[in-house]
Amino acid sequence: MADIPADAERLLKPFELGLRVAQGRRRAKISQAAFAQKLGVSRKTVSDLERGTAEHVSLKTAMAALSLATGMSSPHALATVCVTASLVSVALCY
């Protein structure tokens, strides 16, 4: 497993990940519908993800949403994901 830098930001709960996605989407001034289209999911899925209530969203979709919302498509950004049982821990490194 990769070492996580000390300054990494940990998101431990679904609503924390959703809050980050919502903030990034709003900052970019993209509607939920347009954001959903970029991700290839429904607007409801984006809404559920942002509220932390999405029960059937793949880890790949959640990470794609986080990446898109935070502008992490740059090669200098890294998202480290650790999955333990039903808990997903995300470390954002800039």
Protein backbone atom coordinates (compact mmCIF):
# COMPACT_ATOMS: atom_id res chain seq x y z
CA MET A 1 0.00 0.00 0.00
CA ALA A 2 1.29 3.47 -0.85
CA ASP A 3 2.46 5.76 1.91
CA ILE A 4 -0.01 8.54 2.58
CA PRO A 5 1.63 11.95 3.09
CA ALA A 6 1.11 13.60 6.46
CA ASP A 7 -0.66 16.57 4.84
CA ALA A 8 -3.23 14.36 3.09
CA GLU A 9 -6.85 15.10 3.77
CA ARG A 10 -8.84 12.09 4.91
CA LEU A 11 -12.52 11.74 4.04
CA LEU A 12 -13.95 9.00 6.22
CA LYS A 13 -17.68 9.28 5.77
CA PRO A 14 -19.83 9.22 2.61
CA PHE A 15 -21.23 12.68 3.30
CA GLU A 16 -17.69 14.11 3.47
CA LEU A 17 -16.91 12.77 0.01
CA GLY A 18 -20.29 14.03 -1.20
CA LEU A 19 -19.71 17.46 0.29
CA ARG A 20 -16.38 17.71 -1.53
CA VAL A 21 -18.02 16.67 -4.81
CA ALA A 22 -20.84 19.20 -4.37
CA GLN A 23 -18.45 22.03 -3.48
CA GLY A 24 -16.25 21.36 -6.50
CA ARG A 25 -19.21 21.06 -8.85
CA ARG A 26 -20.71 24.32 -7.60
CA ARG A 27 -17.36 26.11 -7.75
CA ALA A 28 -17.09 25.05 -11.40
CA LYS A 29 -20.67 26.28 -11.94
CA ILE A 30 -21.80 22.96 -13.39
CA SER A 31 -25.36 21.72 -12.88
CA GLN A 32 -25.97 18.29 -11.42
CA ALA A 33 -27.38 17.23 -14.80
CA ALA A 34 -24.28 18.36 -16.71
CA PHE A 35 -21.99 16.82 -14.09
CA ALA A 36 -23.92 13.55 -14.29
CA GLN A 37 -23.61 13.53 -18.07
CA LYS A 38 -19.81 13.94 -17.80
CA LEU A 39 -19.72 10.99 -15.38
CA GLY A 40 -22.13 8.85 -17.38
CA VAL A 41 -24.62 8.53 -14.52
CA SER A 42 -28.06 9.93 -13.73
CA ARG A 43 -28.65 13.29 -12.07
CA LYS A 44 -30.22 11.42 -9.15
CA THR A 45 -27.00 9.47 -8.67
CA VAL A 46 -25.06 12.74 -8.42
CA SER A 47 -27.63 14.12 -5.99
CA ASP A 48 -27.47 10.99 -3.84
CA LEU A 49 -23.67 10.99 -3.94
CA GLU A 50 -23.50 14.65 -2.88
CA ARG A 51 -25.89 14.02 0.02
CA GLY A 52 -23.99 10.92 1.13
CA THR A 53 -27.01 8.69 0.57
CA ALA A 54 -25.90 6.83 -2.57
CA GLU A 55 -26.09 3.15 -1.68
CA HIS A 56 -25.30 1.59 -5.03
CA VAL A 57 -22.54 3.75 -6.46
CA SER A 58 -19.37 2.01 -7.48
CA LEU A 59 -16.08 3.10 -6.00
CA LYS A 60 -14.97 3.93 -9.54
CA THR A 61 -17.91 6.33 -10.00
CA ALA A 62 -17.34 7.94 -6.59
CA MET A 63 -13.65 8.47 -7.35
CA ALA A 64 -14.40 9.79 -10.85
CA ALA A 65 -16.86 12.28 -9.34
CA LEU A 66 -14.32 13.37 -6.74
CA SER A 67 -11.62 13.69 -9.37
CA LEU A 68 -13.81 15.70 -11.72
CA ALA A 69 -15.12 17.96 -8.95
CA THR A 70 -11.71 18.72 -7.48
CA GLY A 71 -9.87 19.12 -10.76
CA MET A 72 -7.63 16.18 -9.95
CA SER A 73 -7.06 15.27 -13.56
CA SER A 74 -3.62 16.82 -13.23
CA PRO A 75 -0.70 14.39 -13.08
CA HIS A 76 0.50 16.19 -9.94
CA ALA A 77 -2.58 15.19 -7.93
CA LEU A 78 -3.11 11.84 -6.32
CA ALA A 79 -6.11 10.17 -4.70
CA THR A 80 -5.32 7.22 -2.49
CA VAL A 81 -8.27 5.01 -1.67
CA CYS A 82 -8.28 2.47 1.12
CA VAL A 83 -11.27 0.17 1.49
CA THR A 84 -11.86 -1.71 4.74
CA ALA A 85 -15.13 -3.64 5.03
CA SER A 86 -17.80 -1.04 4.23
CA LEU A 87 -15.65 1.97 5.16
CA VAL A 88 -13.99 3.90 2.37
CA SER A 89 -11.17 6.20 3.35
CA VAL A 90 -9.97 8.69 0.79
CA ALA A 91 -6.79 10.68 1.12
CA LEU A 92 -6.44 13.68 -1.15
CA CYS A 93 -2.87 14.68 -1.82
CA TYR A 94 -1.96 17.85 -3.70
